[in-house]
């Protein structure tokens, strides 16, 4: 089982805020979910309108949260500075493969 698969801490489910990168266009997508593996698969199968394009999506960055609203709040925050200096700083430490 992947380390990003839906995990539980006690009785609490984990939620994820994530950044994807398109392998061809290098475009980014920011989202949140409770099952990162399922969500990445949905993006790559074209089930998400905003990520239907050429190329595959890879997981670039992930943050874990115990509360869904925290993950969604962080998603909105990252989207608010996407493409700017703060976004570049966030993903700067990520190793591209």
PDB file of N, CA and C in Angstrom:
ATOM      1  N   UNK A   1       0.847  -1.180   0.000  1.00  0.00           N
ATOM      2  CA  UNK A   1       0.000   0.000   0.000  1.00  0.00           C
ATOM      3  C   UNK A   1       0.888   1.237   0.000  1.00  0.00           C
ATOM      4  N   UNK A   2       0.564   2.211  -0.807  1.00  0.00           N
ATOM      5  CA  UNK A   2       1.339   3.434  -0.918  1.00  0.00           C
ATOM      6  C   UNK A   2       1.314   4.206   0.391  1.00  0.00           C
ATOM      7  N   UNK A   3       2.372   4.924   0.667  1.00  0.00           N
ATOM      8  CA  UNK A   3       2.400   5.734   1.892  1.00  0.00           C
ATOM      9  C   UNK A   3       1.404   6.874   1.823  1.00  0.00           C
ATOM     10  N   UNK A   4       0.939   7.215   0.611  1.00  0.00           N
ATOM     11  CA  UNK A   4      -0.033   8.291   0.452  1.00  0.00           C
ATOM     12  C   UNK A   4      -1.471   7.781   0.442  1.00  0.00           C
ATOM     13  N   UNK A   5      -1.660   6.486   0.469  1.00  0.00           N
ATOM     14  CA  UNK A   5      -3.011   5.920   0.479  1.00  0.00           C
ATOM     15  C   UNK A   5      -3.720   6.434   1.717  1.00  0.00           C
ATOM     16  N   UNK A   6      -5.022   6.480   1.648  1.00  0.00           N
ATOM     17  CA  UNK A   6      -5.813   6.982   2.762  1.00  0.00           C
ATOM     18  C   UNK A   6      -5.355   6.340   4.065  1.00  0.00           C
ATOM     19  N   UNK A   7      -4.956   7.171   4.993  1.00  0.00           N
ATOM     20  CA  UNK A   7      -4.441   6.705   6.269  1.00  0.00           C
ATOM     21  C   UNK A   7      -5.394   7.127   7.372  1.00  0.00           C
ATOM     22  N   UNK A   8      -5.344   6.405   8.463  1.00  0.00           N
ATOM     23  CA  UNK A   8      -6.148   6.788   9.607  1.00  0.00           C
ATOM     24  C   UNK A   8      -5.242   6.926  10.814  1.00  0.00           C
ATOM     25  N   UNK A   9      -5.518   7.935  11.621  1.00  0.00           N
ATOM     26  CA  UNK A   9      -4.806   8.161  12.869  1.00  0.00           C
ATOM     27  C   UNK A   9      -5.843   7.998  13.964  1.00  0.00           C
ATOM     28  N   UNK A  10      -5.775   6.897  14.698  1.00  0.00           N
ATOM     29  CA  UNK A  10      -6.837   6.621  15.651  1.00  0.00           C
ATOM     30  C   UNK A  10      -8.141   6.461  14.884  1.00  0.00           C
ATOM     31  N   UNK A  11      -9.104   7.315  15.159  1.00  0.00           N
ATOM     32  CA  UNK A  11     -10.381   7.287  14.460  1.00  0.00           C
ATOM     33  C   UNK A  11     -10.474   8.410  13.449  1.00  0.00           C
ATOM     34  N   UNK A  12      -9.427   9.188  13.305  1.00  0.00           N
ATOM     35  CA  UNK A  12      -9.449  10.346  12.408  1.00  0.00           C
ATOM     36  C   UNK A  12      -8.830  10.013  11.063  1.00  0.00           C
ATOM     37  N   UNK A  13      -9.534  10.363  10.017  1.00  0.00           N
ATOM     38  CA  UNK A  13      -9.014  10.187   8.670  1.00  0.00           C
ATOM     39  C   UNK A  13      -8.059  11.345   8.375  1.00  0.00           C
ATOM     40  N   UNK A  14      -7.069  11.096   7.556  1.00  0.00           N
ATOM     41  CA  UNK A  14      -6.178  12.161   7.127  1.00  0.00           C
ATOM     42  C   UNK A  14      -6.673  12.765   5.821  1.00  0.00           C
ATOM     43  N   UNK A  15      -6.394  14.037   5.657  1.00  0.00           N
ATOM     44  CA  UNK A  15      -6.728  14.773   4.447  1.00  0.00           C
ATOM     45  C   UNK A  15      -5.445  15.364   3.899  1.00  0.00           C
ATOM     46  N   UNK A  16      -5.411  15.542   2.605  1.00  0.00           N
ATOM     47  CA  UNK A  16      -4.195  15.983   1.936  1.00  0.00           C
ATOM     48  C   UNK A  16      -4.463  17.222   1.091  1.00  0.00           C
ATOM     49  N   UNK A  17      -3.510  18.141   1.118  1.00  0.00           N
ATOM     50  CA  UNK A  17      -3.458  19.225   0.155  1.00  0.00           C
ATOM     51  C   UNK A  17      -2.280  18.879  -0.738  1.00  0.00           C
ATOM     52  N   UNK A  18      -2.476  18.968  -2.037  1.00  0.00           N
ATOM     53  CA  UNK A  18      -1.441  18.486  -2.939  1.00  0.00           C
ATOM     54  C   UNK A  18      -1.245  19.419  -4.132  1.00  0.00           C
ATOM     55  N   UNK A  19      -0.060  19.296  -4.731  1.00  0.00           N
ATOM     56  CA  UNK A  19       0.264  20.007  -5.966  1.00  0.00           C
ATOM     57  C   UNK A  19       0.688  18.946  -6.969  1.00  0.00           C
ATOM     58  N   UNK A  20       0.053  18.968  -8.140  1.00  0.00           N
ATOM     59  CA  UNK A  20       0.427  18.084  -9.236  1.00  0.00           C
ATOM     60  C   UNK A  20       1.173  18.879 -10.286  1.00  0.00           C
ATOM     61  N   UNK A  21       1.981  18.183 -11.063  1.00  0.00           N
ATOM     62  CA  UNK A  21       2.657  18.811 -12.201  1.00  0.00           C
ATOM     63  C   UNK A  21       2.416  17.956 -13.431  1.00  0.00           C
ATOM     64  N   UNK A  22       2.057  18.598 -14.528  1.00  0.00           N
ATOM     65  CA  UNK A  22       1.867  17.900 -15.790  1.00  0.00           C
ATOM     66  C   UNK A  22       3.240  17.586 -16.359  1.00  0.00           C
ATOM     67  N   UNK A  23       3.453  16.328 -16.752  1.00  0.00           N
ATOM     68  CA  UNK A  23       4.780  15.898 -17.201  1.00  0.00           C
ATOM     69  C   UNK A  23       5.182  16.502 -18.541  1.00  0.00           C
ATOM     70  N   UNK A  24       4.215  16.930 -19.346  1.00  0.00           N
ATOM     71  CA  UNK A  24       4.537  17.544 -20.633  1.00  0.00           C
ATOM     72  C   UNK A  24       4.562  19.067 -20.578  1.00  0.00           C
ATOM     73  N   UNK A  25       3.506  19.643 -20.023  1.00  0.00           N
ATOM     74  CA  UNK A  25       3.360  21.100 -20.058  1.00  0.00           C
ATOM     75  C   UNK A  25       4.019  21.795 -18.882  1.00  0.00           C
ATOM     76  N   UNK A  26       4.329  21.045 -17.836  1.00  0.00           N
ATOM     77  CA  UNK A  26       4.882  21.570 -16.575  1.00  0.00           C
ATOM     78  C   UNK A  26       3.884  22.474 -15.858  1.00  0.00           C
ATOM     79  N   UNK A  27       2.621  22.424 -16.281  1.00  0.00           N
ATOM     80  CA  UNK A  27       1.548  23.152 -15.617  1.00  0.00           C
ATOM     81  C   UNK A  27       1.273  22.515 -14.254  1.00  0.00           C
ATOM     82  N   UNK A  28       0.753  23.317 -13.307  1.00  0.00           N
ATOM     83  CA  UNK A  28       0.481  22.813 -11.967  1.00  0.00           C
ATOM     84  C   UNK A  28      -1.010  22.833 -11.660  1.00  0.00           C
ATOM     85  N   UNK A  29      -1.392  21.943 -10.748  1.00  0.00           N
ATOM     86  CA  UNK A  29      -2.765  21.867 -10.257  1.00  0.00           C
ATOM     87  C   UNK A  29      -2.694  21.689  -8.749  1.00  0.00           C
ATOM     88  N   UNK A  30      -3.519  22.444  -8.013  1.00  0.00           N
ATOM     89  CA  UNK A  30      -3.564  22.369  -6.556  1.00  0.00           C
ATOM     90  C   UNK A  30      -4.930  21.836  -6.149  1.00  0.00           C
ATOM     91  N   UNK A  31      -4.960  20.872  -5.231  1.00  0.00           N
ATOM     92  CA  UNK A  31      -6.223  20.316  -4.776  1.00  0.00           C
ATOM     93  C   UNK A  31      -6.112  19.750  -3.384  1.00  0.00           C
ATOM     94  N   UNK A  32      -7.217  19.180  -2.901  1.00  0.00           N
ATOM     95  CA  UNK A  32      -7.227  18.499  -1.615  1.00  0.00           C
ATOM     96  C   UNK A  32      -8.132  17.270  -1.723  1.00  0.00           C
ATOM     97  N   UNK A  33      -7.857  16.277  -0.893  1.00  0.00           N
ATOM     98  CA  UNK A  33      -8.570  15.000  -0.964  1.00  0.00           C
ATOM     99  C   UNK A  33      -8.362  14.210   0.318  1.00  0.00           C
ATOM    100  N   UNK A  34      -9.120  13.125   0.464  1.00  0.00           N
ATOM    101  CA  UNK A  34      -8.879  12.199   1.569  1.00  0.00           C
ATOM    102  C   UNK A  34      -8.224  10.911   1.072  1.00  0.00           C
ATOM    103  N   UNK A  35      -7.982  10.813  -0.244  1.00  0.00           N
ATOM    104  CA  UNK A  35      -7.344   9.623  -0.827  1.00  0.00           C
ATOM    105  C   UNK A  35      -6.481  10.068  -2.007  1.00  0.00           C
ATOM    106  N   UNK A  36      -5.235  10.307  -1.742  1.00  0.00           N
ATOM    107  CA  UNK A  36      -4.335  10.908  -2.734  1.00  0.00           C
ATOM    108  C   UNK A  36      -4.106   9.984  -3.936  1.00  0.00           C
ATOM    109  N   UNK A  37      -4.021   8.687  -3.710  1.00  0.00           N
ATOM    110  CA  UNK A  37      -3.793   7.761  -4.823  1.00  0.00           C
ATOM    111  C   UNK A  37      -4.985   7.739  -5.775  1.00  0.00           C
ATOM    112  N   UNK A  38      -6.185   7.647  -5.199  1.00  0.00           N
ATOM    113  CA  UNK A  38      -7.400   7.654  -6.022  1.00  0.00           C
ATOM    114  C   UNK A  38      -7.509   8.965  -6.799  1.00  0.00           C
ATOM    115  N   UNK A  39      -7.212  10.065  -6.142  1.00  0.00           N
ATOM    116  CA  UNK A  39      -7.354  11.377  -6.783  1.00  0.00           C
ATOM    117  C   UNK A  39      -6.358  11.535  -7.933  1.00  0.00           C
ATOM    118  N   UNK A  40      -5.127  11.114  -7.749  1.00  0.00           N
ATOM    119  CA  UNK A  40      -4.130  11.192  -8.822  1.00  0.00           C
ATOM    120  C   UNK A  40      -4.579  10.346 -10.012  1.00  0.00           C
ATOM    121  N   UNK A  41      -5.113   9.171  -9.735  1.00  0.00           N
ATOM    122  CA  UNK A  41      -5.618   8.308 -10.803  1.00  0.00           C
ATOM    123  C   UNK A  41      -6.755   8.999 -11.565  1.00  0.00           C
ATOM    124  N   UNK A  42      -7.643   9.669 -10.839  1.00  0.00           N
ATOM    125  CA  UNK A  42      -8.743  10.396 -11.485  1.00  0.00           C
ATOM    126  C   UNK A  42      -8.217  11.494 -12.401  1.00  0.00           C
ATOM    127  N   UNK A  43      -7.202  12.205 -11.945  1.00  0.00           N
ATOM    128  CA  UNK A  43      -6.605  13.253 -12.781  1.00  0.00           C
ATOM    129  C   UNK A  43      -6.012  12.644 -14.047  1.00  0.00           C
ATOM    130  N   UNK A  44      -5.312  11.540 -13.907  1.00  0.00           N
ATOM    131  CA  UNK A  44      -4.641  10.930 -15.058  1.00  0.00           C
ATOM    132  C   UNK A  44      -5.600  10.216 -16.005  1.00  0.00           C
ATOM    133  N   UNK A  45      -6.774   9.884 -15.552  1.00  0.00           N
ATOM    134  CA  UNK A  45      -7.777   9.248 -16.423  1.00  0.00           C
ATOM    135  C   UNK A  45      -8.711  10.257 -17.066  1.00  0.00           C
ATOM    136  N   UNK A  46      -8.493  11.541 -16.786  1.00  0.00           N
ATOM    137  CA  UNK A  46      -9.320  12.572 -17.398  1.00  0.00           C
ATOM    138  C   UNK A  46     -10.656  12.788 -16.720  1.00  0.00           C
ATOM    139  N   UNK A  47     -10.794  12.364 -15.482  1.00  0.00           N
ATOM    140  CA  UNK A  47     -12.051  12.511 -14.755  1.00  0.00           C
ATOM    141  C   UNK A  47     -12.216  13.892 -14.135  1.00  0.00           C
ATOM    142  N   UNK A  48     -11.185  14.715 -14.231  1.00  0.00           N
ATOM    143  CA  UNK A  48     -11.230  16.067 -13.679  1.00  0.00           C
ATOM    144  C   UNK A  48     -11.119  17.046 -14.837  1.00  0.00           C
ATOM    145  N   UNK A  49     -12.172  17.824 -15.032  1.00  0.00           N
ATOM    146  CA  UNK A  49     -12.250  18.710 -16.196  1.00  0.00           C
ATOM    147  C   UNK A  49     -11.035  19.631 -16.319  1.00  0.00           C
ATOM    148  N   UNK A  50     -10.604  20.218 -15.213  1.00  0.00           N
ATOM    149  CA  UNK A  50      -9.523  21.202 -15.280  1.00  0.00           C
ATOM    150  C   UNK A  50      -8.151  20.598 -15.550  1.00  0.00           C
ATOM    151  N   UNK A  51      -8.007  19.288 -15.459  1.00  0.00           N
ATOM    152  CA  UNK A  51      -6.700  18.677 -15.726  1.00  0.00           C
ATOM    153  C   UNK A  51      -6.702  17.783 -16.956  1.00  0.00           C
ATOM    154  N   UNK A  52      -7.776  17.838 -17.730  1.00  0.00           N
ATOM    155  CA  UNK A  52      -7.803  17.074 -18.979  1.00  0.00           C
ATOM    156  C   UNK A  52      -6.915  17.762 -20.001  1.00  0.00           C
ATOM    157  N   UNK A  53      -5.795  17.209 -20.260  1.00  0.00           N
ATOM    158  CA  UNK A  53      -4.884  17.751 -21.274  1.00  0.00           C
ATOM    159  C   UNK A  53      -3.877  16.673 -21.631  1.00  0.00           C
ATOM    160  N   UNK A  54      -3.012  17.004 -22.521  1.00  0.00           N
ATOM    161  CA  UNK A  54      -1.987  16.041 -22.909  1.00  0.00           C
ATOM    162  C   UNK A  54      -1.028  15.810 -21.754  1.00  0.00           C
ATOM    163  N   UNK A  55      -0.507  14.611 -21.702  1.00  0.00           N
ATOM    164  CA  UNK A  55       0.478  14.296 -20.679  1.00  0.00           C
ATOM    165  C   UNK A  55      -0.149  13.743 -19.421  1.00  0.00           C
ATOM    166  N   UNK A  56       0.679  13.270 -18.573  1.00  0.00           N
ATOM    167  CA  UNK A  56       0.264  12.707 -17.296  1.00  0.00           C
ATOM    168  C   UNK A  56       0.573  13.702 -16.186  1.00  0.00           C
ATOM    169  N   UNK A  57      -0.093  13.498 -15.088  1.00  0.00           N
ATOM    170  CA  UNK A  57       0.132  14.319 -13.903  1.00  0.00           C
ATOM    171  C   UNK A  57       0.925  13.506 -12.898  1.00  0.00           C
ATOM    172  N   UNK A  58       1.883  14.153 -12.237  1.00  0.00           N
ATOM    173  CA  UNK A  58       2.646  13.490 -11.179  1.00  0.00           C
ATOM    174  C   UNK A  58       2.487  14.305  -9.902  1.00  0.00           C
ATOM    175  N   UNK A  59       2.553  13.603  -8.791  1.00  0.00           N
ATOM    176  CA  UNK A  59       2.452  14.235  -7.488  1.00  0.00           C
ATOM    177  C   UNK A  59       3.758  14.952  -7.196  1.00  0.00           C
ATOM    178  N   UNK A  60       3.674  16.255  -6.972  1.00  0.00           N
ATOM    179  CA  UNK A  60       4.862  17.068  -6.765  1.00  0.00           C
ATOM    180  C   UNK A  60       5.050  17.428  -5.300  1.00  0.00           C
ATOM    181  N   UNK A  61       3.937  17.654  -4.597  1.00  0.00           N
ATOM    182  CA  UNK A  61       4.016  18.166  -3.220  1.00  0.00           C
ATOM    183  C   UNK A  61       2.769  17.736  -2.460  1.00  0.00           C
ATOM    184  N   UNK A  62       2.923  17.352  -1.188  1.00  0.00           N
ATOM    185  CA  UNK A  62       1.795  16.913  -0.356  1.00  0.00           C
ATOM    186  C   UNK A  62       1.961  17.442   1.066  1.00  0.00           C
ATOM    187  N   UNK A  63       0.839  17.870   1.647  1.00  0.00           N
ATOM    188  CA  UNK A  63       0.777  18.204   3.074  1.00  0.00           C
ATOM    189  C   UNK A  63      -0.370  17.388   3.668  1.00  0.00           C
ATOM    190  N   UNK A  64      -0.223  16.906   4.903  1.00  0.00           N
ATOM    191  CA  UNK A  64      -1.254  16.104   5.567  1.00  0.00           C
ATOM    192  C   UNK A  64      -1.927  16.931   6.668  1.00  0.00           C
ATOM    193  N   UNK A  65      -3.238  16.689   6.818  1.00  0.00           N
ATOM    194  CA  UNK A  65      -4.027  17.370   7.845  1.00  0.00           C
ATOM    195  C   UNK A  65      -4.985  16.375   8.488  1.00  0.00           C
ATOM    196  N   UNK A  66      -5.315  16.608   9.753  1.00  0.00           N
ATOM    197  CA  UNK A  66      -6.276  15.773  10.465  1.00  0.00           C
ATOM    198  C   UNK A  66      -7.705  16.246  10.250  1.00  0.00           C
ATOM    199  N   UNK A  67      -7.867  17.494   9.844  1.00  0.00           N
ATOM    200  CA  UNK A  67      -9.192  18.087   9.681  1.00  0.00           C
ATOM    201  C   UNK A  67      -9.363  18.529   8.227  1.00  0.00           C
ATOM    202  N   UNK A  68     -10.460  18.091   7.615  1.00  0.00           N
ATOM    203  CA  UNK A  68     -10.703  18.382   6.204  1.00  0.00           C
ATOM    204  C   UNK A  68     -10.676  19.880   5.916  1.00  0.00           C
ATOM    205  N   UNK A  69     -11.290  20.676   6.760  1.00  0.00           N
ATOM    206  CA  UNK A  69     -11.339  22.124   6.516  1.00  0.00           C
ATOM    207  C   UNK A  69      -9.948  22.752   6.508  1.00  0.00           C
ATOM    208  N   UNK A  70      -9.021  22.217   7.287  1.00  0.00           N
ATOM    209  CA  UNK A  70      -7.644  22.721   7.270  1.00  0.00           C
ATOM    210  C   UNK A  70      -6.997  22.449   5.911  1.00  0.00           C
ATOM    211  N   UNK A  71      -7.244  21.262   5.368  1.00  0.00           N
ATOM    212  CA  UNK A  71      -6.688  20.919   4.052  1.00  0.00           C
ATOM    213  C   UNK A  71      -7.282  21.822   2.979  1.00  0.00           C
ATOM    214  N   UNK A  72      -8.575  22.076   3.048  1.00  0.00           N
ATOM    215  CA  UNK A  72      -9.229  22.941   2.051  1.00  0.00           C
ATOM    216  C   UNK A  72      -8.775  24.392   2.190  1.00  0.00           C
ATOM    217  N   UNK A  73      -8.589  24.836   3.414  1.00  0.00           N
ATOM    218  CA  UNK A  73      -8.103  26.202   3.640  1.00  0.00           C
ATOM    219  C   UNK A  73      -6.701  26.372   3.054  1.00  0.00           C
ATOM    220  N   UNK A  74      -5.854  25.371   3.278  1.00  0.00           N
ATOM    221  CA  UNK A  74      -4.492  25.421   2.739  1.00  0.00           C
ATOM    222  C   UNK A  74      -4.520  25.375   1.215  1.00  0.00           C
ATOM    223  N   UNK A  75      -5.423  24.576   0.650  1.00  0.00           N
ATOM    224  CA  UNK A  75      -5.577  24.531  -0.810  1.00  0.00           C
ATOM    225  C   UNK A  75      -5.897  25.921  -1.341  1.00  0.00           C
ATOM    226  N   UNK A  76      -6.854  26.599  -0.719  1.00  0.00           N
ATOM    227  CA  UNK A  76      -7.217  27.958  -1.162  1.00  0.00           C
ATOM    228  C   UNK A  76      -6.045  28.923  -1.027  1.00  0.00           C
ATOM    229  N   UNK A  77      -5.279  28.761   0.060  1.00  0.00           N
ATOM    230  CA  UNK A  77      -4.126  29.631   0.269  1.00  0.00           C
ATOM    231  C   UNK A  77      -3.090  29.431  -0.841  1.00  0.00           C
ATOM    232  N   UNK A  78      -2.762  28.192  -1.134  1.00  0.00           N
ATOM    233  CA  UNK A  78      -1.772  27.914  -2.184  1.00  0.00           C
ATOM    234  C   UNK A  78      -2.274  28.417  -3.525  1.00  0.00           C
ATOM    235  N   UNK A  79      -3.557  28.212  -3.820  1.00  0.00           N
ATOM    236  CA  UNK A  79      -4.115  28.703  -5.078  1.00  0.00           C
ATOM    237  C   UNK A  79      -4.044  30.217  -5.167  1.00  0.00           C
ATOM    238  N   UNK A  80      -4.136  30.897  -4.040  1.00  0.00           N
ATOM    239  CA  UNK A  80      -4.111  32.364  -4.058  1.00  0.00           C
ATOM    240  C   UNK A  80      -2.754  32.914  -4.470  1.00  0.00           C
ATOM    241  N   UNK A  81      -1.688  32.156  -4.259  1.00  0.00           N
ATOM    242  CA  UNK A  81      -0.369  32.631  -4.702  1.00  0.00           C
ATOM    243  C   UNK A  81       0.267  31.735  -5.748  1.00  0.00           C
ATOM    244  N   UNK A  82      -0.534  30.885  -6.362  1.00  0.00           N
ATOM    245  CA  UNK A  82      -0.046  30.000  -7.412  1.00  0.00           C
ATOM    246  C   UNK A  82       0.588  30.797  -8.548  1.00  0.00           C
ATOM    247  N   UNK A  83       1.762  30.390  -8.945  1.00  0.00           N
ATOM    248  CA  UNK A  83       2.461  31.054 -10.036  1.00  0.00           C
ATOM    249  C   UNK A  83       3.341  32.201  -9.575  1.00  0.00           C
ATOM    250  N   UNK A  84       3.111  32.702  -8.367  1.00  0.00           N
ATOM    251  CA  UNK A  84       3.901  33.810  -7.850  1.00  0.00           C
ATOM    252  C   UNK A  84       5.106  33.323  -7.069  1.00  0.00           C
ATOM    253  N   UNK A  85       5.755  34.257  -6.418  1.00  0.00           N
ATOM    254  CA  UNK A  85       6.955  33.946  -5.649  1.00  0.00           C
ATOM    255  C   UNK A  85       6.727  32.954  -4.535  1.00  0.00           C
ATOM    256  N   UNK A  86       5.585  33.081  -3.843  1.00  0.00           N
ATOM    257  CA  UNK A  86       5.301  32.170  -2.735  1.00  0.00           C
ATOM    258  C   UNK A  86       5.107  30.741  -3.246  1.00  0.00           C
ATOM    259  N   UNK A  87       4.451  30.596  -4.387  1.00  0.00           N
ATOM    260  CA  UNK A  87       4.256  29.266  -4.969  1.00  0.00           C
ATOM    261  C   UNK A  87       5.595  28.677  -5.387  1.00  0.00           C
ATOM    262  N   UNK A  88       6.414  29.479  -6.028  1.00  0.00           N
ATOM    263  CA  UNK A  88       7.729  29.008  -6.457  1.00  0.00           C
ATOM    264  C   UNK A  88       8.583  28.596  -5.262  1.00  0.00           C
ATOM    265  N   UNK A  89       8.474  29.351  -4.163  1.00  0.00           N
ATOM    266  CA  UNK A  89       9.228  29.019  -2.956  1.00  0.00           C
ATOM    267  C   UNK A  89       8.726  27.700  -2.364  1.00  0.00           C
ATOM    268  N   UNK A  90       7.408  27.498  -2.376  1.00  0.00           N
ATOM    269  CA  UNK A  90       6.819  26.275  -1.840  1.00  0.00           C
ATOM    270  C   UNK A  90       7.356  25.040  -2.559  1.00  0.00           C
ATOM    271  N   UNK A  91       7.415  25.092  -3.876  1.00  0.00           N
ATOM    272  CA  UNK A  91       7.841  23.904  -4.633  1.00  0.00           C
ATOM    273  C   UNK A  91       9.333  23.910  -4.960  1.00  0.00           C
ATOM    274  N   UNK A  92      10.059  24.932  -4.506  1.00  0.00           N
ATOM    275  CA  UNK A  92      11.490  25.040  -4.826  1.00  0.00           C
ATOM    276  C   UNK A  92      12.298  23.865  -4.301  1.00  0.00           C
ATOM    277  N   UNK A  93      11.927  23.358  -3.136  1.00  0.00           N
ATOM    278  CA  UNK A  93      12.679  22.262  -2.530  1.00  0.00           C
ATOM    279  C   UNK A  93      12.307  20.895  -3.075  1.00  0.00           C
ATOM    280  N   UNK A  94      11.336  20.862  -3.968  1.00  0.00           N
ATOM    281  CA  UNK A  94      10.881  19.597  -4.519  1.00  0.00           C
ATOM    282  C   UNK A  94      11.841  19.130  -5.603  1.00  0.00           C
ATOM    283  N   UNK A  95      12.242  17.884  -5.506  1.00  0.00           N
ATOM    284  CA  UNK A  95      13.136  17.299  -6.499  1.00  0.00           C
ATOM    285  C   UNK A  95      12.300  16.830  -7.680  1.00  0.00           C
ATOM    286  N   UNK A  96      12.579  17.322  -8.872  1.00  0.00           N
ATOM    287  CA  UNK A  96      11.865  16.894 -10.085  1.00  0.00           C
ATOM    288  C   UNK A  96      12.466  15.595 -10.583  1.00  0.00           C
ATOM    289  N   UNK A  97      11.588  14.651 -10.917  1.00  0.00           N
ATOM    290  CA  UNK A  97      12.054  13.343 -11.400  1.00  0.00           C
ATOM    291  C   UNK A  97      11.638  13.147 -12.816  1.00  0.00           C
TER     292      UNK A  97
END
